[in-house]
Structures are given as C-alpha cells and as structure tokens.
N, C-alpha and C. Protein backbone atom coordinates (compact mmCIF):
# COMPACT_ATOMS: atom_id res chain seq x y z
N LEU A 1 -3.45 -73.22 -9.71
CA LEU A 1 -4.16 -72.32 -10.60
C LEU A 1 -3.24 -71.90 -11.76
N ALA A 2 -2.00 -71.61 -11.43
CA ALA A 2 -1.05 -71.20 -12.48
C ALA A 2 -0.88 -72.30 -13.52
N LEU A 3 -0.86 -73.56 -13.07
CA LEU A 3 -0.73 -74.69 -14.01
C LEU A 3 -1.92 -74.73 -14.96
N GLU A 4 -3.11 -74.48 -14.44
CA GLU A 4 -4.30 -74.50 -15.28
C GLU A 4 -4.31 -73.34 -16.26
N LEU A 5 -3.71 -72.22 -15.89
CA LEU A 5 -3.69 -71.05 -16.75
C LEU A 5 -2.56 -71.07 -17.78
N MET A 6 -1.62 -71.98 -17.62
CA MET A 6 -0.44 -72.00 -18.49
C MET A 6 -0.74 -72.00 -19.98
N PRO A 7 -1.68 -72.79 -20.46
CA PRO A 7 -1.85 -72.80 -21.92
C PRO A 7 -2.20 -71.43 -22.52
N GLY A 8 -2.98 -70.63 -21.81
CA GLY A 8 -3.41 -69.36 -22.39
C GLY A 8 -2.71 -68.15 -21.81
N GLN A 9 -2.00 -68.31 -20.72
CA GLN A 9 -1.36 -67.19 -20.04
C GLN A 9 0.13 -67.47 -19.85
N PRO A 10 0.98 -66.98 -20.73
CA PRO A 10 2.41 -67.26 -20.60
C PRO A 10 2.99 -66.85 -19.24
N ALA A 11 2.46 -65.84 -18.62
CA ALA A 11 2.99 -65.39 -17.32
C ALA A 11 2.74 -66.43 -16.23
N ALA A 12 1.76 -67.29 -16.43
CA ALA A 12 1.45 -68.31 -15.43
C ALA A 12 2.61 -69.28 -15.26
N GLU A 13 3.32 -69.58 -16.34
CA GLU A 13 4.44 -70.50 -16.25
C GLU A 13 5.53 -69.94 -15.34
N ALA A 14 5.73 -68.63 -15.36
CA ALA A 14 6.73 -68.01 -14.49
C ALA A 14 6.39 -68.22 -13.01
N ILE A 15 5.12 -68.23 -12.70
CA ILE A 15 4.69 -68.49 -11.31
C ILE A 15 5.05 -69.91 -10.91
N VAL A 16 4.79 -70.85 -11.80
CA VAL A 16 5.11 -72.27 -11.52
C VAL A 16 6.62 -72.43 -11.36
N VAL A 17 7.38 -71.86 -12.28
CA VAL A 17 8.84 -71.96 -12.22
C VAL A 17 9.36 -71.31 -10.93
N GLY A 18 8.78 -70.19 -10.54
CA GLY A 18 9.17 -69.53 -9.29
C GLY A 18 8.90 -70.41 -8.08
N HIS A 19 7.73 -71.06 -8.07
CA HIS A 19 7.39 -71.98 -6.97
C HIS A 19 8.40 -73.13 -6.91
N LEU A 20 8.72 -73.71 -8.05
CA LEU A 20 9.65 -74.83 -8.08
C LEU A 20 11.06 -74.40 -7.70
N GLY A 21 11.42 -73.15 -8.01
CA GLY A 21 12.72 -72.63 -7.59
C GLY A 21 12.80 -72.49 -6.07
N ALA A 22 11.68 -72.08 -5.48
CA ALA A 22 11.63 -71.91 -4.02
C ALA A 22 11.48 -73.24 -3.29
N ARG A 23 10.80 -74.19 -3.94
CA ARG A 23 10.56 -75.52 -3.34
C ARG A 23 10.95 -76.60 -4.33
N PRO A 24 12.23 -76.83 -4.52
CA PRO A 24 12.67 -77.80 -5.53
C PRO A 24 12.22 -79.23 -5.27
N GLY A 25 11.86 -79.54 -4.05
CA GLY A 25 11.40 -80.88 -3.72
C GLY A 25 9.91 -81.07 -3.87
N SER A 26 9.24 -80.12 -4.46
CA SER A 26 7.79 -80.17 -4.64
C SER A 26 7.46 -81.06 -5.84
N ASN A 27 7.61 -82.37 -5.64
CA ASN A 27 7.46 -83.31 -6.75
C ASN A 27 6.07 -83.33 -7.35
N GLY A 28 5.04 -83.15 -6.53
CA GLY A 28 3.67 -83.16 -7.05
C GLY A 28 3.45 -82.04 -8.05
N VAL A 29 3.87 -80.84 -7.69
CA VAL A 29 3.72 -79.69 -8.59
C VAL A 29 4.61 -79.88 -9.82
N ARG A 30 5.82 -80.39 -9.60
CA ARG A 30 6.74 -80.59 -10.72
C ARG A 30 6.17 -81.61 -11.72
N ALA A 31 5.56 -82.67 -11.21
CA ALA A 31 4.96 -83.68 -12.09
C ALA A 31 3.79 -83.08 -12.88
N LEU A 32 2.98 -82.25 -12.22
CA LEU A 32 1.88 -81.59 -12.92
C LEU A 32 2.40 -80.60 -13.97
N TYR A 33 3.48 -79.93 -13.64
CA TYR A 33 4.12 -79.02 -14.60
C TYR A 33 4.61 -79.80 -15.81
N ALA A 34 5.23 -80.95 -15.56
CA ALA A 34 5.70 -81.80 -16.66
C ALA A 34 4.52 -82.22 -17.54
N ARG A 35 3.41 -82.55 -16.91
CA ARG A 35 2.23 -82.94 -17.69
C ARG A 35 1.75 -81.78 -18.57
N ALA A 36 1.72 -80.58 -17.99
CA ALA A 36 1.31 -79.40 -18.76
C ALA A 36 2.28 -79.16 -19.93
N LEU A 37 3.57 -79.33 -19.68
CA LEU A 37 4.56 -79.17 -20.75
C LEU A 37 4.34 -80.21 -21.84
N SER A 38 4.06 -81.43 -21.44
CA SER A 38 3.83 -82.50 -22.41
C SER A 38 2.59 -82.20 -23.25
N LEU A 39 1.53 -81.74 -22.60
CA LEU A 39 0.31 -81.40 -23.33
C LEU A 39 0.55 -80.27 -24.34
N ALA A 40 1.53 -79.42 -24.02
CA ALA A 40 1.89 -78.33 -24.93
C ALA A 40 2.92 -78.79 -25.97
N GLN A 41 3.14 -80.12 -26.04
CA GLN A 41 4.09 -80.71 -26.99
C GLN A 41 5.53 -80.29 -26.70
N ARG A 42 5.81 -79.94 -25.46
CA ARG A 42 7.17 -79.57 -25.05
C ARG A 42 7.77 -80.77 -24.30
N HIS A 43 7.90 -81.88 -25.01
CA HIS A 43 8.31 -83.14 -24.39
C HIS A 43 9.71 -83.08 -23.79
N GLY A 44 10.63 -82.41 -24.45
CA GLY A 44 11.99 -82.29 -23.91
C GLY A 44 11.99 -81.58 -22.57
N ASP A 45 11.22 -80.49 -22.47
CA ASP A 45 11.11 -79.76 -21.20
C ASP A 45 10.43 -80.62 -20.15
N ALA A 46 9.44 -81.38 -20.56
CA ALA A 46 8.74 -82.27 -19.62
C ALA A 46 9.69 -83.33 -19.09
N ILE A 47 10.52 -83.89 -19.96
CA ILE A 47 11.51 -84.89 -19.54
C ILE A 47 12.45 -84.29 -18.50
N ALA A 48 12.91 -83.07 -18.73
CA ALA A 48 13.81 -82.43 -17.77
C ALA A 48 13.17 -82.32 -16.40
N GLN A 49 11.88 -82.01 -16.35
CA GLN A 49 11.18 -81.89 -15.07
C GLN A 49 11.01 -83.24 -14.39
N ILE A 50 10.64 -84.25 -15.16
CA ILE A 50 10.46 -85.59 -14.58
C ILE A 50 11.79 -86.17 -14.14
N GLU A 51 12.87 -85.84 -14.84
CA GLU A 51 14.18 -86.31 -14.40
C GLU A 51 14.53 -85.73 -13.03
N ILE A 52 14.11 -84.51 -12.75
CA ILE A 52 14.32 -83.93 -11.42
C ILE A 52 13.50 -84.70 -10.39
N VAL A 53 12.26 -85.03 -10.74
CA VAL A 53 11.40 -85.80 -9.83
C VAL A 53 12.05 -87.14 -9.49
N VAL A 54 12.57 -87.85 -10.48
CA VAL A 54 13.17 -89.16 -10.20
C VAL A 54 14.48 -89.02 -9.43
N ARG A 55 15.19 -87.92 -9.61
CA ARG A 55 16.39 -87.68 -8.79
C ARG A 55 15.98 -87.39 -7.34
N ASN A 56 14.89 -86.63 -7.16
CA ASN A 56 14.41 -86.31 -5.81
C ASN A 56 13.90 -87.55 -5.08
N ASP A 57 13.24 -88.44 -5.82
CA ASP A 57 12.64 -89.63 -5.20
C ASP A 57 12.78 -90.82 -6.15
N PRO A 58 13.97 -91.42 -6.24
CA PRO A 58 14.19 -92.49 -7.20
C PRO A 58 13.41 -93.77 -6.91
N ALA A 59 12.86 -93.89 -5.72
CA ALA A 59 12.11 -95.11 -5.37
C ALA A 59 10.63 -95.01 -5.70
N ALA A 60 10.16 -93.87 -6.16
CA ALA A 60 8.75 -93.70 -6.53
C ALA A 60 8.55 -94.25 -7.94
N PRO A 61 7.66 -95.23 -8.11
CA PRO A 61 7.48 -95.83 -9.44
C PRO A 61 6.86 -94.91 -10.49
N ALA A 62 5.81 -94.18 -10.15
CA ALA A 62 5.02 -93.44 -11.15
C ALA A 62 5.84 -92.50 -12.03
N PRO A 63 6.78 -91.73 -11.48
CA PRO A 63 7.56 -90.84 -12.37
C PRO A 63 8.38 -91.59 -13.41
N TRP A 64 8.82 -92.80 -13.09
CA TRP A 64 9.57 -93.59 -14.06
C TRP A 64 8.68 -93.98 -15.24
N LEU A 65 7.42 -94.29 -14.95
CA LEU A 65 6.47 -94.62 -16.02
C LEU A 65 6.26 -93.40 -16.92
N THR A 66 6.11 -92.24 -16.30
CA THR A 66 5.93 -91.00 -17.06
C THR A 66 7.17 -90.72 -17.90
N LEU A 67 8.34 -90.88 -17.31
CA LEU A 67 9.59 -90.63 -18.03
C LEU A 67 9.71 -91.56 -19.24
N GLY A 68 9.36 -92.82 -19.03
CA GLY A 68 9.41 -93.77 -20.15
C GLY A 68 8.45 -93.38 -21.26
N ALA A 69 7.25 -92.96 -20.88
CA ALA A 69 6.26 -92.55 -21.89
C ALA A 69 6.73 -91.33 -22.67
N LEU A 70 7.36 -90.39 -21.98
CA LEU A 70 7.85 -89.19 -22.66
C LEU A 70 8.99 -89.53 -23.64
N HIS A 71 9.90 -90.38 -23.20
CA HIS A 71 10.98 -90.79 -24.11
C HIS A 71 10.41 -91.54 -25.32
N LEU A 72 9.41 -92.34 -25.08
CA LEU A 72 8.79 -93.08 -26.18
C LEU A 72 8.12 -92.11 -27.15
N GLU A 73 7.51 -91.06 -26.62
CA GLU A 73 6.87 -90.04 -27.46
C GLU A 73 7.91 -89.42 -28.41
N LEU A 74 9.14 -89.28 -27.93
CA LEU A 74 10.21 -88.72 -28.75
C LEU A 74 10.96 -89.80 -29.53
N ARG A 75 10.45 -91.03 -29.47
CA ARG A 75 11.02 -92.16 -30.18
C ARG A 75 12.44 -92.47 -29.72
N GLN A 76 12.70 -92.25 -28.45
CA GLN A 76 13.99 -92.55 -27.83
C GLN A 76 13.84 -93.90 -27.11
N ALA A 77 13.94 -94.95 -27.90
CA ALA A 77 13.62 -96.29 -27.41
C ALA A 77 14.52 -96.74 -26.26
N ARG A 78 15.81 -96.49 -26.36
CA ARG A 78 16.73 -96.96 -25.32
C ARG A 78 16.42 -96.29 -23.98
N GLN A 79 16.23 -94.96 -23.98
CA GLN A 79 15.94 -94.25 -22.75
C GLN A 79 14.57 -94.65 -22.21
N ALA A 80 13.61 -94.86 -23.10
CA ALA A 80 12.28 -95.29 -22.68
C ALA A 80 12.37 -96.65 -22.00
N THR A 81 13.13 -97.56 -22.59
CA THR A 81 13.26 -98.91 -22.03
C THR A 81 13.90 -98.85 -20.64
N GLU A 82 14.94 -98.06 -20.49
CA GLU A 82 15.59 -97.94 -19.18
C GLU A 82 14.62 -97.45 -18.11
N ALA A 83 13.87 -96.40 -18.42
CA ALA A 83 12.93 -95.84 -17.45
C ALA A 83 11.79 -96.82 -17.16
N LEU A 84 11.28 -97.46 -18.19
CA LEU A 84 10.15 -98.38 -18.00
C LEU A 84 10.58 -99.64 -17.25
N GLU A 85 11.78 -100.12 -17.51
CA GLU A 85 12.26 -101.28 -16.75
C GLU A 85 12.43 -100.92 -15.28
N ARG A 86 12.88 -99.70 -15.02
CA ARG A 86 12.99 -99.24 -13.62
C ARG A 86 11.60 -99.19 -12.98
N PHE A 87 10.61 -98.68 -13.73
CA PHE A 87 9.24 -98.66 -13.22
C PHE A 87 8.77 -100.07 -12.89
N VAL A 88 8.97 -101.02 -13.79
CA VAL A 88 8.52 -102.40 -13.59
C VAL A 88 9.17 -102.97 -12.33
N MET A 89 10.45 -102.73 -12.17
CA MET A 89 11.15 -103.24 -10.98
C MET A 89 10.55 -102.65 -9.70
N LEU A 90 10.38 -101.33 -9.68
CA LEU A 90 9.85 -100.67 -8.48
C LEU A 90 8.39 -101.04 -8.22
N ALA A 91 7.59 -101.07 -9.27
CA ALA A 91 6.17 -101.38 -9.11
C ALA A 91 5.98 -102.83 -8.68
N SER A 92 6.78 -103.73 -9.24
CA SER A 92 6.68 -105.14 -8.85
C SER A 92 7.07 -105.32 -7.39
N ALA A 93 8.13 -104.64 -6.97
CA ALA A 93 8.56 -104.73 -5.58
C ALA A 93 7.50 -104.14 -4.65
N ALA A 94 6.88 -103.04 -5.05
CA ALA A 94 5.85 -102.41 -4.23
C ALA A 94 4.63 -103.31 -4.12
N SER A 95 4.26 -103.97 -5.21
CA SER A 95 3.08 -104.83 -5.16
C SER A 95 3.33 -106.08 -4.34
N GLN A 96 4.58 -106.53 -4.27
CA GLN A 96 4.91 -107.70 -3.44
C GLN A 96 4.89 -107.34 -1.96
N ARG A 97 5.31 -106.09 -1.64
CA ARG A 97 5.29 -105.64 -0.25
C ARG A 97 3.88 -105.39 0.26
N ALA A 98 3.07 -104.76 -0.59
CA ALA A 98 1.71 -104.39 -0.19
C ALA A 98 0.79 -104.59 -1.38
N PRO A 99 0.09 -105.74 -1.45
CA PRO A 99 -0.76 -106.02 -2.61
C PRO A 99 -1.83 -104.96 -2.86
N ALA A 100 -2.38 -104.39 -1.80
CA ALA A 100 -3.38 -103.33 -1.98
C ALA A 100 -2.67 -102.02 -2.22
N ALA A 101 -3.23 -101.19 -3.09
CA ALA A 101 -2.63 -99.88 -3.37
C ALA A 101 -2.64 -99.04 -2.11
N GLN A 102 -1.47 -98.54 -1.75
CA GLN A 102 -1.33 -97.71 -0.56
C GLN A 102 -1.03 -96.29 -1.01
N PRO A 103 -1.62 -95.29 -0.33
CA PRO A 103 -1.28 -93.91 -0.69
C PRO A 103 0.18 -93.63 -0.41
N ALA A 104 0.79 -92.86 -1.27
CA ALA A 104 2.17 -92.46 -1.06
C ALA A 104 2.21 -91.42 0.05
N GLU A 105 3.41 -91.19 0.60
CA GLU A 105 3.54 -90.20 1.65
C GLU A 105 3.25 -88.82 1.11
N ASP A 106 2.71 -87.96 1.97
CA ASP A 106 2.42 -86.58 1.62
C ASP A 106 3.72 -85.80 1.62
N ASP A 107 4.02 -85.10 0.52
CA ASP A 107 5.26 -84.33 0.49
C ASP A 107 5.05 -82.88 0.91
N GLY A 108 3.85 -82.61 1.45
CA GLY A 108 3.59 -81.29 2.00
C GLY A 108 3.18 -80.25 1.00
N ASP A 109 2.93 -80.64 -0.25
CA ASP A 109 2.56 -79.63 -1.23
C ASP A 109 1.06 -79.57 -1.49
N GLY A 110 0.30 -80.33 -0.70
CA GLY A 110 -1.15 -80.29 -0.82
C GLY A 110 -1.69 -81.12 -1.96
N GLU A 111 -0.82 -81.86 -2.64
CA GLU A 111 -1.25 -82.67 -3.76
C GLU A 111 -1.59 -84.08 -3.29
N ASP A 112 -2.50 -84.73 -3.97
CA ASP A 112 -2.83 -86.12 -3.72
C ASP A 112 -1.74 -86.95 -4.38
N ASN A 113 -0.97 -87.69 -3.58
CA ASN A 113 0.18 -88.40 -4.11
C ASN A 113 -0.04 -89.90 -4.22
N GLU A 114 -1.29 -90.35 -4.34
CA GLU A 114 -1.49 -91.78 -4.53
C GLU A 114 -0.80 -92.21 -5.81
N ALA A 115 -0.34 -93.42 -5.82
CA ALA A 115 0.40 -93.92 -6.97
C ALA A 115 -0.34 -95.08 -7.63
N PRO A 116 -1.46 -94.80 -8.30
CA PRO A 116 -2.19 -95.89 -8.93
C PRO A 116 -1.40 -96.54 -10.05
N ASP A 117 -0.39 -95.85 -10.58
CA ASP A 117 0.39 -96.40 -11.68
C ASP A 117 1.21 -97.61 -11.25
N ALA A 118 1.37 -97.83 -9.95
CA ALA A 118 2.11 -98.99 -9.46
C ALA A 118 1.23 -100.23 -9.45
N SER A 119 -0.01 -100.09 -9.84
CA SER A 119 -0.96 -101.19 -9.86
C SER A 119 -0.73 -102.08 -11.08
N ALA A 120 -1.55 -103.12 -11.16
CA ALA A 120 -1.48 -104.02 -12.32
C ALA A 120 -1.72 -103.25 -13.62
N ALA A 121 -2.60 -102.26 -13.58
CA ALA A 121 -2.86 -101.46 -14.79
C ALA A 121 -1.61 -100.70 -15.21
N GLY A 122 -0.85 -100.20 -14.24
CA GLY A 122 0.40 -99.50 -14.56
C GLY A 122 1.42 -100.45 -15.16
N LEU A 123 1.48 -101.66 -14.61
CA LEU A 123 2.41 -102.65 -15.17
C LEU A 123 2.01 -103.03 -16.59
N THR A 124 0.72 -103.20 -16.81
CA THR A 124 0.24 -103.51 -18.17
C THR A 124 0.63 -102.40 -19.13
N GLN A 125 0.42 -101.15 -18.71
CA GLN A 125 0.78 -100.01 -19.55
C GLN A 125 2.29 -100.01 -19.83
N ALA A 126 3.08 -100.30 -18.82
CA ALA A 126 4.53 -100.34 -19.00
C ALA A 126 4.93 -101.44 -19.97
N TYR A 127 4.33 -102.62 -19.84
CA TYR A 127 4.66 -103.72 -20.75
C TYR A 127 4.31 -103.36 -22.20
N LEU A 128 3.17 -102.71 -22.39
CA LEU A 128 2.78 -102.28 -23.75
C LEU A 128 3.80 -101.28 -24.30
N MET A 129 4.23 -100.35 -23.45
CA MET A 129 5.21 -99.36 -23.92
C MET A 129 6.58 -100.00 -24.15
N LEU A 130 6.96 -100.96 -23.31
CA LEU A 130 8.22 -101.67 -23.52
C LEU A 130 8.19 -102.44 -24.85
N ALA A 131 7.05 -103.03 -25.15
CA ALA A 131 6.91 -103.72 -26.44
C ALA A 131 7.04 -102.72 -27.59
N GLN A 132 6.46 -101.55 -27.42
CA GLN A 132 6.54 -100.51 -28.45
C GLN A 132 8.00 -100.05 -28.62
N ALA A 133 8.72 -99.89 -27.51
CA ALA A 133 10.12 -99.48 -27.59
C ALA A 133 10.95 -100.55 -28.30
N ALA A 134 10.70 -101.81 -27.97
CA ALA A 134 11.42 -102.90 -28.64
C ALA A 134 11.10 -102.91 -30.13
N GLU A 135 9.85 -102.64 -30.46
CA GLU A 135 9.44 -102.59 -31.86
C GLU A 135 10.17 -101.44 -32.59
N LEU A 136 10.34 -100.30 -31.92
CA LEU A 136 11.09 -99.20 -32.53
C LEU A 136 12.52 -99.61 -32.85
N GLU A 137 13.08 -100.46 -32.01
CA GLU A 137 14.44 -100.96 -32.21
C GLU A 137 14.46 -102.15 -33.16
N ARG A 138 13.30 -102.52 -33.66
CA ARG A 138 13.13 -103.68 -34.55
C ARG A 138 13.54 -104.98 -33.89
N ASP A 139 13.37 -105.02 -32.56
CA ASP A 139 13.65 -106.23 -31.78
C ASP A 139 12.30 -106.90 -31.52
N PHE A 140 11.79 -107.58 -32.54
CA PHE A 140 10.45 -108.16 -32.48
C PHE A 140 10.33 -109.27 -31.44
N PRO A 141 11.35 -110.12 -31.26
CA PRO A 141 11.23 -111.13 -30.19
C PRO A 141 11.11 -110.50 -28.80
N ALA A 142 11.85 -109.42 -28.55
CA ALA A 142 11.74 -108.74 -27.25
C ALA A 142 10.36 -108.13 -27.09
N ALA A 143 9.83 -107.55 -28.16
CA ALA A 143 8.49 -106.97 -28.09
C ALA A 143 7.47 -108.04 -27.72
N GLU A 144 7.59 -109.21 -28.34
CA GLU A 144 6.66 -110.31 -28.03
C GLU A 144 6.83 -110.77 -26.58
N ARG A 145 8.05 -110.81 -26.09
CA ARG A 145 8.27 -111.22 -24.68
C ARG A 145 7.58 -110.26 -23.72
N TRP A 146 7.62 -108.96 -24.02
CA TRP A 146 6.94 -107.99 -23.16
C TRP A 146 5.43 -108.19 -23.23
N LEU A 147 4.91 -108.45 -24.42
CA LEU A 147 3.47 -108.66 -24.57
C LEU A 147 3.02 -109.91 -23.83
N GLU A 148 3.86 -110.93 -23.79
CA GLU A 148 3.51 -112.17 -23.09
C GLU A 148 3.31 -111.95 -21.59
N LYS A 149 3.89 -110.90 -21.04
CA LYS A 149 3.77 -110.62 -19.61
C LYS A 149 2.40 -110.03 -19.24
N ILE A 150 1.65 -109.61 -20.24
CA ILE A 150 0.37 -108.95 -19.97
C ILE A 150 -0.71 -110.00 -19.77
N ASP A 151 -1.33 -109.94 -18.61
CA ASP A 151 -2.41 -110.86 -18.26
C ASP A 151 -3.61 -110.02 -17.83
N SER A 152 -4.20 -109.34 -18.79
CA SER A 152 -5.29 -108.43 -18.50
C SER A 152 -6.41 -108.63 -19.53
N ALA A 153 -7.56 -109.05 -19.04
CA ALA A 153 -8.70 -109.24 -19.95
C ALA A 153 -9.09 -107.93 -20.61
N GLN A 154 -8.94 -106.82 -19.87
CA GLN A 154 -9.31 -105.51 -20.43
C GLN A 154 -8.38 -105.10 -21.57
N GLN A 155 -7.16 -105.59 -21.58
CA GLN A 155 -6.19 -105.22 -22.60
C GLN A 155 -6.02 -106.29 -23.67
N ALA A 156 -6.80 -107.35 -23.62
CA ALA A 156 -6.62 -108.48 -24.53
C ALA A 156 -6.67 -108.04 -26.00
N LEU A 157 -7.61 -107.19 -26.34
CA LEU A 157 -7.72 -106.73 -27.73
C LEU A 157 -6.50 -105.91 -28.12
N ASP A 158 -6.06 -104.99 -27.25
CA ASP A 158 -4.88 -104.18 -27.56
C ASP A 158 -3.64 -105.05 -27.74
N VAL A 159 -3.49 -106.04 -26.89
CA VAL A 159 -2.33 -106.94 -26.98
C VAL A 159 -2.39 -107.73 -28.29
N GLN A 160 -3.56 -108.23 -28.63
CA GLN A 160 -3.71 -109.01 -29.86
C GLN A 160 -3.40 -108.13 -31.09
N MET A 161 -3.88 -106.90 -31.06
CA MET A 161 -3.62 -105.98 -32.19
C MET A 161 -2.13 -105.65 -32.28
N ARG A 162 -1.48 -105.48 -31.14
CA ARG A 162 -0.04 -105.20 -31.14
C ARG A 162 0.73 -106.39 -31.71
N ARG A 163 0.30 -107.60 -31.31
CA ARG A 163 0.95 -108.82 -31.85
C ARG A 163 0.76 -108.89 -33.37
N ALA A 164 -0.43 -108.59 -33.84
CA ALA A 164 -0.69 -108.60 -35.28
C ALA A 164 0.18 -107.57 -35.99
N SER A 165 0.34 -106.42 -35.39
CA SER A 165 1.19 -105.38 -35.96
C SER A 165 2.65 -105.85 -36.04
N LEU A 166 3.12 -106.52 -34.99
CA LEU A 166 4.48 -107.05 -35.00
C LEU A 166 4.68 -108.05 -36.14
N LEU A 167 3.69 -108.94 -36.30
CA LEU A 167 3.77 -109.91 -37.38
C LEU A 167 3.77 -109.23 -38.74
N ALA A 168 2.92 -108.23 -38.90
CA ALA A 168 2.84 -107.52 -40.18
C ALA A 168 4.16 -106.81 -40.49
N ARG A 169 4.78 -106.22 -39.48
CA ARG A 169 6.05 -105.51 -39.69
C ARG A 169 7.17 -106.47 -40.07
N GLN A 170 6.97 -107.74 -39.75
CA GLN A 170 7.97 -108.76 -40.11
C GLN A 170 7.62 -109.43 -41.43
N GLY A 171 6.54 -108.94 -42.10
CA GLY A 171 6.14 -109.50 -43.38
C GLY A 171 5.29 -110.76 -43.26
N LYS A 172 4.82 -111.07 -42.10
CA LYS A 172 4.00 -112.27 -41.87
C LYS A 172 2.52 -111.88 -41.90
N MET A 173 2.06 -111.47 -43.06
CA MET A 173 0.70 -110.93 -43.20
C MET A 173 -0.38 -111.97 -42.95
N THR A 174 -0.21 -113.19 -43.41
CA THR A 174 -1.22 -114.23 -43.21
C THR A 174 -1.41 -114.49 -41.71
N GLN A 175 -0.30 -114.61 -40.98
CA GLN A 175 -0.40 -114.83 -39.54
C GLN A 175 -1.03 -113.62 -38.84
N ALA A 176 -0.70 -112.42 -39.30
CA ALA A 176 -1.27 -111.21 -38.71
C ALA A 176 -2.78 -111.18 -38.90
N ARG A 177 -3.23 -111.50 -40.11
CA ARG A 177 -4.68 -111.52 -40.38
C ARG A 177 -5.38 -112.57 -39.54
N ASP A 178 -4.76 -113.74 -39.40
CA ASP A 178 -5.36 -114.81 -38.58
C ASP A 178 -5.49 -114.36 -37.13
N LEU A 179 -4.49 -113.67 -36.64
CA LEU A 179 -4.52 -113.18 -35.26
C LEU A 179 -5.64 -112.15 -35.06
N ILE A 180 -5.83 -111.29 -36.04
CA ILE A 180 -6.90 -110.29 -35.95
C ILE A 180 -8.26 -110.97 -35.98
N ARG A 181 -8.42 -111.99 -36.80
CA ARG A 181 -9.70 -112.71 -36.86
C ARG A 181 -10.02 -113.36 -35.51
N LYS A 182 -8.98 -113.79 -34.79
CA LYS A 182 -9.18 -114.46 -33.50
C LYS A 182 -9.27 -113.48 -32.33
N ALA A 183 -9.11 -112.21 -32.62
CA ALA A 183 -9.08 -111.19 -31.56
C ALA A 183 -10.42 -111.17 -30.81
N PRO A 184 -10.36 -111.01 -29.50
CA PRO A 184 -11.59 -110.91 -28.73
C PRO A 184 -12.30 -109.59 -29.05
N GLU A 185 -13.62 -109.63 -28.93
CA GLU A 185 -14.38 -108.41 -29.17
C GLU A 185 -14.21 -107.49 -27.98
N LYS A 186 -14.16 -106.20 -28.27
CA LYS A 186 -14.03 -105.19 -27.21
C LYS A 186 -15.38 -105.06 -26.53
N SER A 187 -15.38 -105.22 -25.21
CA SER A 187 -16.65 -105.07 -24.49
C SER A 187 -16.66 -103.73 -23.81
N GLY A 188 -17.79 -103.09 -23.81
CA GLY A 188 -17.88 -101.74 -23.27
C GLY A 188 -18.62 -101.72 -22.08
C-alpha cells in the first residue's frame, strides 16, 4: 500500500524504507520500490535499489534486466551492457535447465516472484537494449550482431526499424529506406 501511495504521499516512502531496513532481503518489495523510483524519474535511486537486489540474489535473471534498462535510461552504455550480458547468460542457462517458465522461490514477502523476464521475450528485450547500448557507443557492428540474435515474429518490425536507424546513423540512407520499405506490417 505504501508503494502505491508514494507518488502523492511523501510519508509513504518512509514506510517502504523502514520495511527494507528491517528486512533487507525483501527483494520483491525492493524491486517494486525501484520501479516506483524509476516511474518518479529517480533512476539513480532505482539503480541503487536494484544493485542491492542483485547482490542479495546474483543468480536471479530479472533484476539484471531491470538494472540494464535503468543504466540505459541514463545513457550509461557500458554499465547497461554489463548488466544485460549477465541477464542473457543467466536467462539462457535457466531456459536450458527448464524450458518451461518455472516460478521462482518464494522469499517470504508475499510477492509473486515468477520470473517471466527469463523467457524468450525477456531475451528479445535484452538483445534490443544491448543493440541500443552498442549504438550509444557508436559500435554499429556490435549493435547489428545483437539484433541478429532476435528470432521473434512479434518483434520483426521493431528489429527492422532498429536496423534502418543504424544504417541511417551511419549515413547509409538509401539502404535504410530500402529496409523500411521491406519491413513487415505490424499485425494487431
């Protein structure tokens, strides 16, 4: 409840911080707190919270994806890449062990700890963000290599548009336009 009240009630954040002080291993609440901080455009504070989550449970893939996204939001490409590569490694290992999504263990905080981000959709999201991080570093070949890893019909248009953007940023406008013309139509 305190997390939901945070945007309009400054005192609510003190309740959340107090809970986390009493239960520092409460990763579910901490992750939700980080999300609330991010929504409030407090990305640095959100990163600090997610870094605690990954220290508490470094083998959990989902917090690494969140950490990478937050670093990318702040245009910190190197840190984003490190976190996202860790996510890819953990998520790939988890999918090889158990192809079907398995619920994560309950940490006793009453939160639903399923990790859907370790799925193929999470990997696709990570590859897109890794390509974006490489693009921030102006490493266009690396960005293309990350995009090549995406095998998702649902993301085909996004991948094609990202490729066109990469070409345009390299001054290859004719190739970028051709790629957009060949882009699949978005189906709803």
